[in-house]
Amino acid sequence: MISDLDVAMRLVASVVFAGIIGYERQARHKAAGLRTHILVGMGSSLIMVLSINIYSSVQGLTNADPARLAAQVVSGIGFLGAGSILKEGPTIRGLTTAASLWVVSGVGLASGAGYYFGALMTTVLVFLTLTILSRMEHKDAKKYLASLVVTTIDMPGQIGHISLIIGQHDANIRDIKIEEHASLATISFSVSFPCNVNINEVTAQISSIKGVKEVKHE
């Protein structure tokens, strides 16, 4: 049987751990923020404590499994997570927040079971994932994807010349497709350009390459 003091410590720990993750979501104005994450973490912790205490009170009298009650948290949290997912046209938002709620329920269960180190490490890793990777995604969001179709005389080094010009504009080539027609070649580039790049300027520079007949962009 878990003592009252230990129960209080486990509940407080779940509030702290869940609050750290919830704060990050709150700061980014997501559907589920600080209070929601704390409630999920604390509720999960309480259910785990309750499972352990119930099992302790009937141990030896029944074959009851102490994990059965806590296991319902994992499946039940799916309904709450689904409420944070929104579909706006082709874009789906809220998947990360739904995942963070699911992880917070696990953190709460770990705290309720007394696995403070596991709960702490998960909290730290989740927080770093949400903050660091979000910055990387935001950096990529400052770029746009464009398609360049270059018709050129089929001669060695053309792809290298075109790629050099694209690279000078801090752009990344995602894909290249080549179609050959007699003495001509049609090269399709899928390029990620920074938002401040004038694509017309890029096409003009590519058009000046010897052997290039036509450049189109979409």
C-alpha atoms as a PDB file:
ATOM      1  CA  MET A   1       0.000   0.000   0.000  1.00  0.00           C
ATOM      2  CA  ILE A   2       1.360   3.414  -0.985  1.00  0.00           C
ATOM      3  CA  SER A   3       1.492   5.906   1.896  1.00  0.00           C
ATOM      4  CA  ASP A   4      -0.351   9.222   1.724  1.00  0.00           C
ATOM      5  CA  LEU A   5       2.944  11.140   1.599  1.00  0.00           C
ATOM      6  CA  ASP A   6       4.193   9.035  -1.284  1.00  0.00           C
ATOM      7  CA  VAL A   7       0.887   9.486  -3.108  1.00  0.00           C
ATOM      8  CA  ALA A   8       1.209  13.260  -2.733  1.00  0.00           C
ATOM      9  CA  MET A   9       4.791  13.160  -4.054  1.00  0.00           C
ATOM     10  CA  ARG A  10       3.767  11.131  -7.089  1.00  0.00           C
ATOM     11  CA  LEU A  11       0.870  13.429  -7.916  1.00  0.00           C
ATOM     12  CA  VAL A  12       3.031  16.546  -7.538  1.00  0.00           C
ATOM     13  CA  ALA A  13       5.738  14.978  -9.719  1.00  0.00           C
ATOM     14  CA  SER A  14       3.182  14.243 -12.445  1.00  0.00           C
ATOM     15  CA  VAL A  15       1.956  17.850 -12.310  1.00  0.00           C
ATOM     16  CA  VAL A  16       5.514  19.177 -12.677  1.00  0.00           C
ATOM     17  CA  PHE A  17       6.477  16.844 -15.529  1.00  0.00           C
ATOM     18  CA  ALA A  18       3.218  17.292 -17.432  1.00  0.00           C
ATOM     19  CA  GLY A  19       3.336  21.042 -16.804  1.00  0.00           C
ATOM     20  CA  ILE A  20       6.728  21.336 -18.510  1.00  0.00           C
ATOM     21  CA  ILE A  21       5.375  19.745 -21.683  1.00  0.00           C
ATOM     22  CA  GLY A  22       2.084  21.633 -21.425  1.00  0.00           C
ATOM     23  CA  TYR A  23       3.903  24.944 -21.067  1.00  0.00           C
ATOM     24  CA  GLU A  24       5.633  24.409 -24.406  1.00  0.00           C
ATOM     25  CA  ARG A  25       2.281  23.677 -26.095  1.00  0.00           C
ATOM     26  CA  GLN A  26       0.684  26.694 -24.359  1.00  0.00           C
ATOM     27  CA  ALA A  27       3.500  28.977 -25.534  1.00  0.00           C
ATOM     28  CA  ARG A  28       2.774  27.958 -29.132  1.00  0.00           C
ATOM     29  CA  HIS A  29      -0.972  28.564 -28.702  1.00  0.00           C
ATOM     30  CA  LYS A  30      -1.962  24.967 -29.358  1.00  0.00           C
ATOM     31  CA  ALA A  31      -5.417  23.483 -28.762  1.00  0.00           C
ATOM     32  CA  ALA A  32      -4.278  21.601 -25.637  1.00  0.00           C
ATOM     33  CA  GLY A  33      -2.099  23.706 -23.377  1.00  0.00           C
ATOM     34  CA  LEU A  34      -0.797  23.849 -19.820  1.00  0.00           C
ATOM     35  CA  ARG A  35      -3.970  22.972 -17.919  1.00  0.00           C
ATOM     36  CA  THR A  36      -4.992  20.134 -20.237  1.00  0.00           C
ATOM     37  CA  HIS A  37      -1.592  18.457 -20.056  1.00  0.00           C
ATOM     38  CA  ILE A  38      -1.449  18.819 -16.263  1.00  0.00           C
ATOM     39  CA  LEU A  39      -4.912  17.308 -15.864  1.00  0.00           C
ATOM     40  CA  VAL A  40      -4.031  14.384 -18.126  1.00  0.00           C
ATOM     41  CA  GLY A  41      -0.740  13.730 -16.319  1.00  0.00           C
ATOM     42  CA  MET A  42      -2.231  14.053 -12.842  1.00  0.00           C
ATOM     43  CA  GLY A  43      -5.248  11.928 -13.708  1.00  0.00           C
ATOM     44  CA  SER A  44      -3.052   9.198 -15.169  1.00  0.00           C
ATOM     45  CA  SER A  45      -0.870   9.261 -12.070  1.00  0.00           C
ATOM     46  CA  LEU A  46      -3.886   8.974  -9.776  1.00  0.00           C
ATOM     47  CA  ILE A  47      -5.249   6.007 -11.715  1.00  0.00           C
ATOM     48  CA  MET A  48      -1.880   4.243 -11.486  1.00  0.00           C
ATOM     49  CA  VAL A  49      -1.706   4.871  -7.721  1.00  0.00           C
ATOM     50  CA  LEU A  50      -5.281   3.652  -7.373  1.00  0.00           C
ATOM     51  CA  SER A  51      -4.452   0.502  -9.356  1.00  0.00           C
ATOM     52  CA  ILE A  52      -1.492  -0.297  -7.114  1.00  0.00           C
ATOM     53  CA  ASN A  53      -3.415   0.342  -3.877  1.00  0.00           C
ATOM     54  CA  ILE A  54      -6.430  -1.687  -4.969  1.00  0.00           C
ATOM     55  CA  TYR A  55      -4.168  -4.582  -5.885  1.00  0.00           C
ATOM     56  CA  SER A  56      -2.356  -4.316  -2.543  1.00  0.00           C
ATOM     57  CA  SER A  57      -5.653  -4.497  -0.658  1.00  0.00           C
ATOM     58  CA  VAL A  58      -6.778  -7.692  -2.424  1.00  0.00           C
ATOM     59  CA  GLN A  59      -3.389  -9.321  -2.981  1.00  0.00           C
ATOM     60  CA  GLY A  60      -3.619 -13.024  -2.258  1.00  0.00           C
ATOM     61  CA  LEU A  61      -7.409 -12.940  -2.330  1.00  0.00           C
ATOM     62  CA  THR A  62      -7.874 -12.697  -6.099  1.00  0.00           C
ATOM     63  CA  ASN A  63      -5.979 -12.987  -9.380  1.00  0.00           C
ATOM     64  CA  ALA A  64      -6.670  -9.342 -10.224  1.00  0.00           C
ATOM     65  CA  ASP A  65      -4.134  -7.624 -12.470  1.00  0.00           C
ATOM     66  CA  PRO A  66      -3.050  -4.193 -11.116  1.00  0.00           C
ATOM     67  CA  ALA A  67      -2.204  -2.995 -14.626  1.00  0.00           C
ATOM     68  CA  ARG A  68      -5.689  -3.468 -16.078  1.00  0.00           C
ATOM     69  CA  LEU A  69      -7.135  -0.223 -14.699  1.00  0.00           C
ATOM     70  CA  ALA A  70      -4.091   1.848 -15.676  1.00  0.00           C
ATOM     71  CA  ALA A  71      -4.035   0.260 -19.135  1.00  0.00           C
ATOM     72  CA  GLN A  72      -7.348   1.929 -19.933  1.00  0.00           C
ATOM     73  CA  VAL A  73      -5.615   5.306 -19.773  1.00  0.00           C
ATOM     74  CA  VAL A  74      -3.559   4.500 -22.870  1.00  0.00           C
ATOM     75  CA  SER A  75      -6.624   3.711 -24.970  1.00  0.00           C
ATOM     76  CA  GLY A  76      -8.881   6.316 -23.361  1.00  0.00           C
ATOM     77  CA  ILE A  77      -6.488   9.186 -24.035  1.00  0.00           C
ATOM     78  CA  GLY A  78      -7.047   8.614 -27.741  1.00  0.00           C
ATOM     79  CA  PHE A  79     -10.480  10.235 -27.523  1.00  0.00           C
ATOM     80  CA  LEU A  80      -9.000  13.370 -25.963  1.00  0.00           C
ATOM     81  CA  GLY A  81      -6.162  13.479 -28.495  1.00  0.00           C
ATOM     82  CA  ALA A  82      -8.607  13.171 -31.384  1.00  0.00           C
ATOM     83  CA  GLY A  83     -10.302  16.348 -30.194  1.00  0.00           C
ATOM     84  CA  SER A  84      -7.107  18.346 -30.752  1.00  0.00           C
ATOM     85  CA  ILE A  85      -6.719  17.217 -34.384  1.00  0.00           C
ATOM     86  CA  LEU A  86      -8.195  19.582 -36.968  1.00  0.00           C
ATOM     87  CA  LYS A  87      -8.370  19.204 -40.751  1.00  0.00           C
ATOM     88  CA  GLU A  88      -8.148  22.432 -42.733  1.00  0.00           C
ATOM     89  CA  GLY A  89      -8.352  21.607 -46.426  1.00  0.00           C
ATOM     90  CA  PRO A  90      -5.372  19.396 -47.300  1.00  0.00           C
ATOM     91  CA  THR A  91      -3.634  20.326 -44.025  1.00  0.00           C
ATOM     92  CA  ILE A  92      -4.014  18.366 -40.799  1.00  0.00           C
ATOM     93  CA  ARG A  93      -3.173  20.216 -37.588  1.00  0.00           C
ATOM     94  CA  GLY A  94      -2.881  19.046 -34.001  1.00  0.00           C
ATOM     95  CA  LEU A  95      -1.166  15.688 -34.494  1.00  0.00           C
ATOM     96  CA  THR A  96       1.849  16.759 -32.441  1.00  0.00           C
ATOM     97  CA  THR A  97      -0.360  18.031 -29.617  1.00  0.00           C
ATOM     98  CA  ALA A  98      -2.346  14.789 -29.666  1.00  0.00           C
ATOM     99  CA  ALA A  99       0.921  12.862 -29.443  1.00  0.00           C
ATOM    100  CA  SER A 100       2.123  15.033 -26.556  1.00  0.00           C
ATOM    101  CA  LEU A 101      -1.092  14.281 -24.660  1.00  0.00           C
ATOM    102  CA  TRP A 102      -0.518  10.572 -25.202  1.00  0.00           C
ATOM    103  CA  VAL A 103       3.083  10.845 -23.948  1.00  0.00           C
ATOM    104  CA  VAL A 104       1.972  12.909 -20.936  1.00  0.00           C
ATOM    105  CA  SER A 105      -0.437  10.134 -19.966  1.00  0.00           C
ATOM    106  CA  GLY A 106       2.549   7.770 -19.999  1.00  0.00           C
ATOM    107  CA  VAL A 107       4.566  10.213 -17.898  1.00  0.00           C
ATOM    108  CA  GLY A 108       1.676  10.366 -15.427  1.00  0.00           C
ATOM    109  CA  LEU A 109       1.496   6.578 -15.231  1.00  0.00           C
ATOM    110  CA  ALA A 110       5.249   6.374 -14.645  1.00  0.00           C
ATOM    111  CA  SER A 111       5.048   8.989 -11.883  1.00  0.00           C
ATOM    112  CA  GLY A 112       2.142   7.175 -10.286  1.00  0.00           C
ATOM    113  CA  ALA A 113       4.154   3.940 -10.317  1.00  0.00           C
ATOM    114  CA  GLY A 114       7.120   5.690  -8.704  1.00  0.00           C
ATOM    115  CA  TYR A 115       9.372   5.592 -11.786  1.00  0.00           C
ATOM    116  CA  TYR A 116      10.531   9.182 -11.357  1.00  0.00           C
ATOM    117  CA  PHE A 117      13.711   8.826 -13.415  1.00  0.00           C
ATOM    118  CA  GLY A 118      11.850   7.435 -16.425  1.00  0.00           C
ATOM    119  CA  ALA A 119       9.204  10.135 -16.139  1.00  0.00           C
ATOM    120  CA  LEU A 120      11.846  12.865 -15.835  1.00  0.00           C
ATOM    121  CA  MET A 121      13.921  11.628 -18.780  1.00  0.00           C
ATOM    122  CA  THR A 122      10.822  11.315 -20.977  1.00  0.00           C
ATOM    123  CA  THR A 123       9.764  14.850 -20.045  1.00  0.00           C
ATOM    124  CA  VAL A 124      13.182  16.261 -20.919  1.00  0.00           C
ATOM    125  CA  LEU A 125      13.361  14.395 -24.229  1.00  0.00           C
ATOM    126  CA  VAL A 126       9.812  15.389 -25.217  1.00  0.00           C
ATOM    127  CA  PHE A 127      10.485  19.042 -24.367  1.00  0.00           C
ATOM    128  CA  LEU A 128      13.696  19.042 -26.418  1.00  0.00           C
ATOM    129  CA  THR A 129      11.907  17.329 -29.303  1.00  0.00           C
ATOM    130  CA  LEU A 130       9.103  19.876 -29.332  1.00  0.00           C
ATOM    131  CA  THR A 131      11.403  22.896 -29.095  1.00  0.00           C
ATOM    132  CA  ILE A 132      14.445  21.991 -31.204  1.00  0.00           C
ATOM    133  CA  LEU A 133      12.653  20.168 -34.017  1.00  0.00           C
ATOM    134  CA  SER A 134      10.022  22.896 -34.153  1.00  0.00           C
ATOM    135  CA  ARG A 135      12.741  25.434 -34.908  1.00  0.00           C
ATOM    136  CA  MET A 136      14.087  23.212 -37.673  1.00  0.00           C
ATOM    137  CA  GLU A 137      10.609  22.868 -39.195  1.00  0.00           C
ATOM    138  CA  HIS A 138      10.079  26.626 -38.935  1.00  0.00           C
ATOM    139  CA  LYS A 139      13.341  27.174 -40.799  1.00  0.00           C
ATOM    140  CA  ASP A 140      12.161  24.894 -43.596  1.00  0.00           C
ATOM    141  CA  ALA A 141       8.817  26.713 -43.648  1.00  0.00           C
ATOM    142  CA  LYS A 142      10.645  29.833 -44.854  1.00  0.00           C
ATOM    143  CA  LYS A 143      11.259  28.064 -48.173  1.00  0.00           C
ATOM    144  CA  TYR A 144       8.926  27.250 -51.035  1.00  0.00           C
ATOM    145  CA  LEU A 145       9.010  24.371 -53.498  1.00  0.00           C
ATOM    146  CA  ALA A 146       9.218  25.134 -57.218  1.00  0.00           C
ATOM    147  CA  SER A 147       9.667  23.116 -60.386  1.00  0.00           C
ATOM    148  CA  LEU A 148      12.183  24.148 -63.044  1.00  0.00           C
ATOM    149  CA  VAL A 149      11.972  22.533 -66.473  1.00  0.00           C
ATOM    150  CA  VAL A 150      15.069  23.139 -68.586  1.00  0.00           C
ATOM    151  CA  THR A 151      15.292  22.196 -72.265  1.00  0.00           C
ATOM    152  CA  THR A 152      18.899  22.023 -73.380  1.00  0.00           C
ATOM    153  CA  ILE A 153      21.197  20.514 -75.973  1.00  0.00           C
ATOM    154  CA  ASP A 154      22.259  17.104 -74.718  1.00  0.00           C
ATOM    155  CA  MET A 155      25.866  17.830 -73.777  1.00  0.00           C
ATOM    156  CA  PRO A 156      28.097  16.846 -70.842  1.00  0.00           C
ATOM    157  CA  GLY A 157      28.117  19.028 -67.727  1.00  0.00           C
ATOM    158  CA  GLN A 158      24.764  20.750 -68.221  1.00  0.00           C
ATOM    159  CA  ILE A 159      23.256  19.427 -64.994  1.00  0.00           C
ATOM    160  CA  GLY A 160      26.356  20.567 -63.122  1.00  0.00           C
ATOM    161  CA  HIS A 161      26.143  24.103 -64.562  1.00  0.00           C
ATOM    162  CA  ILE A 162      22.443  24.405 -63.735  1.00  0.00           C
ATOM    163  CA  SER A 163      22.894  22.973 -60.231  1.00  0.00           C
ATOM    164  CA  LEU A 164      25.699  25.458 -59.567  1.00  0.00           C
ATOM    165  CA  ILE A 165      23.424  28.409 -60.334  1.00  0.00           C
ATOM    166  CA  ILE A 166      20.638  26.973 -58.180  1.00  0.00           C
ATOM    167  CA  GLY A 167      23.096  26.435 -55.315  1.00  0.00           C
ATOM    168  CA  GLN A 168      24.288  30.044 -55.517  1.00  0.00           C
ATOM    169  CA  HIS A 169      20.795  31.106 -54.412  1.00  0.00           C
ATOM    170  CA  ASP A 170      20.922  28.943 -51.254  1.00  0.00           C
ATOM    171  CA  ALA A 171      18.346  26.565 -52.751  1.00  0.00           C
ATOM    172  CA  ASN A 172      18.191  22.793 -52.359  1.00  0.00           C
ATOM    173  CA  ILE A 173      17.509  20.391 -55.211  1.00  0.00           C
ATOM    174  CA  ARG A 174      15.011  17.745 -54.061  1.00  0.00           C
ATOM    175  CA  ASP A 175      14.682  15.722 -57.271  1.00  0.00           C
ATOM    176  CA  ILE A 176      15.934  15.590 -60.868  1.00  0.00           C
ATOM    177  CA  LYS A 177      14.272  13.910 -63.851  1.00  0.00           C
ATOM    178  CA  ILE A 178      15.784  13.680 -67.322  1.00  0.00           C
ATOM    179  CA  GLU A 179      14.053  12.970 -70.639  1.00  0.00           C
ATOM    180  CA  GLU A 180      16.062  12.691 -73.840  1.00  0.00           C
ATOM    181  CA  HIS A 181      14.683  13.655 -77.267  1.00  0.00           C
ATOM    182  CA  ALA A 182      17.154  13.175 -80.116  1.00  0.00           C
ATOM    183  CA  SER A 183      19.843  15.810 -79.528  1.00  0.00           C
ATOM    184  CA  LEU A 184      17.849  17.618 -76.832  1.00  0.00           C
ATOM    185  CA  ALA A 185      17.272  16.804 -73.160  1.00  0.00           C
ATOM    186  CA  THR A 186      14.486  18.005 -70.871  1.00  0.00           C
ATOM    187  CA  ILE A 187      15.681  18.235 -67.260  1.00  0.00           C
ATOM    188  CA  SER A 188      13.074  18.735 -64.522  1.00  0.00           C
ATOM    189  CA  PHE A 189      14.339  20.055 -61.176  1.00  0.00           C
ATOM    190  CA  SER A 190      12.283  20.048 -57.973  1.00  0.00           C
ATOM    191  CA  VAL A 191      13.874  22.843 -55.947  1.00  0.00           C
ATOM    192  CA  SER A 192      13.318  24.290 -52.473  1.00  0.00           C
ATOM    193  CA  PHE A 193      13.936  28.056 -52.707  1.00  0.00           C
ATOM    194  CA  PRO A 194      14.247  30.599 -49.873  1.00  0.00           C
ATOM    195  CA  CYS A 195      11.290  33.005 -49.869  1.00  0.00           C
ATOM    196  CA  ASN A 196      13.486  36.004 -50.718  1.00  0.00           C
ATOM    197  CA  VAL A 197      14.750  34.491 -53.984  1.00  0.00           C
ATOM    198  CA  ASN A 198      13.394  35.861 -57.246  1.00  0.00           C
ATOM    199  CA  ILE A 199      12.809  32.770 -59.367  1.00  0.00           C
ATOM    200  CA  ASN A 200      12.719  34.867 -62.560  1.00  0.00           C
ATOM    201  CA  GLU A 201      16.296  35.891 -61.871  1.00  0.00           C
ATOM    202  CA  VAL A 202      17.272  32.247 -61.460  1.00  0.00           C
ATOM    203  CA  THR A 203      15.637  31.236 -64.738  1.00  0.00           C
ATOM    204  CA  ALA A 204      17.358  34.131 -66.525  1.00  0.00           C
ATOM    205  CA  GLN A 205      20.753  32.972 -65.282  1.00  0.00           C
ATOM    206  CA  ILE A 206      20.044  29.392 -66.331  1.00  0.00           C
ATOM    207  CA  SER A 207      18.896  30.596 -69.766  1.00  0.00           C
ATOM    208  CA  SER A 208      22.308  32.231 -70.263  1.00  0.00           C
ATOM    209  CA  ILE A 209      24.068  28.859 -70.027  1.00  0.00           C
ATOM    210  CA  LYS A 210      25.456  27.717 -73.352  1.00  0.00           C
ATOM    211  CA  GLY A 211      23.178  25.128 -74.956  1.00  0.00           C
ATOM    212  CA  VAL A 212      20.052  25.930 -72.899  1.00  0.00           C
ATOM    213  CA  LYS A 213      17.068  26.476 -75.200  1.00  0.00           C
ATOM    214  CA  GLU A 214      14.201  27.105 -72.793  1.00  0.00           C
ATOM    215  CA  VAL A 215      13.527  27.388 -69.045  1.00  0.00           C
ATOM    216  CA  LYS A 216      10.067  27.132 -67.463  1.00  0.00           C
ATOM    217  CA  HIS A 217       9.097  27.305 -63.811  1.00  0.00           C
ATOM    218  CA  GLU A 218       5.972  26.370 -61.899  1.00  0.00           C
END
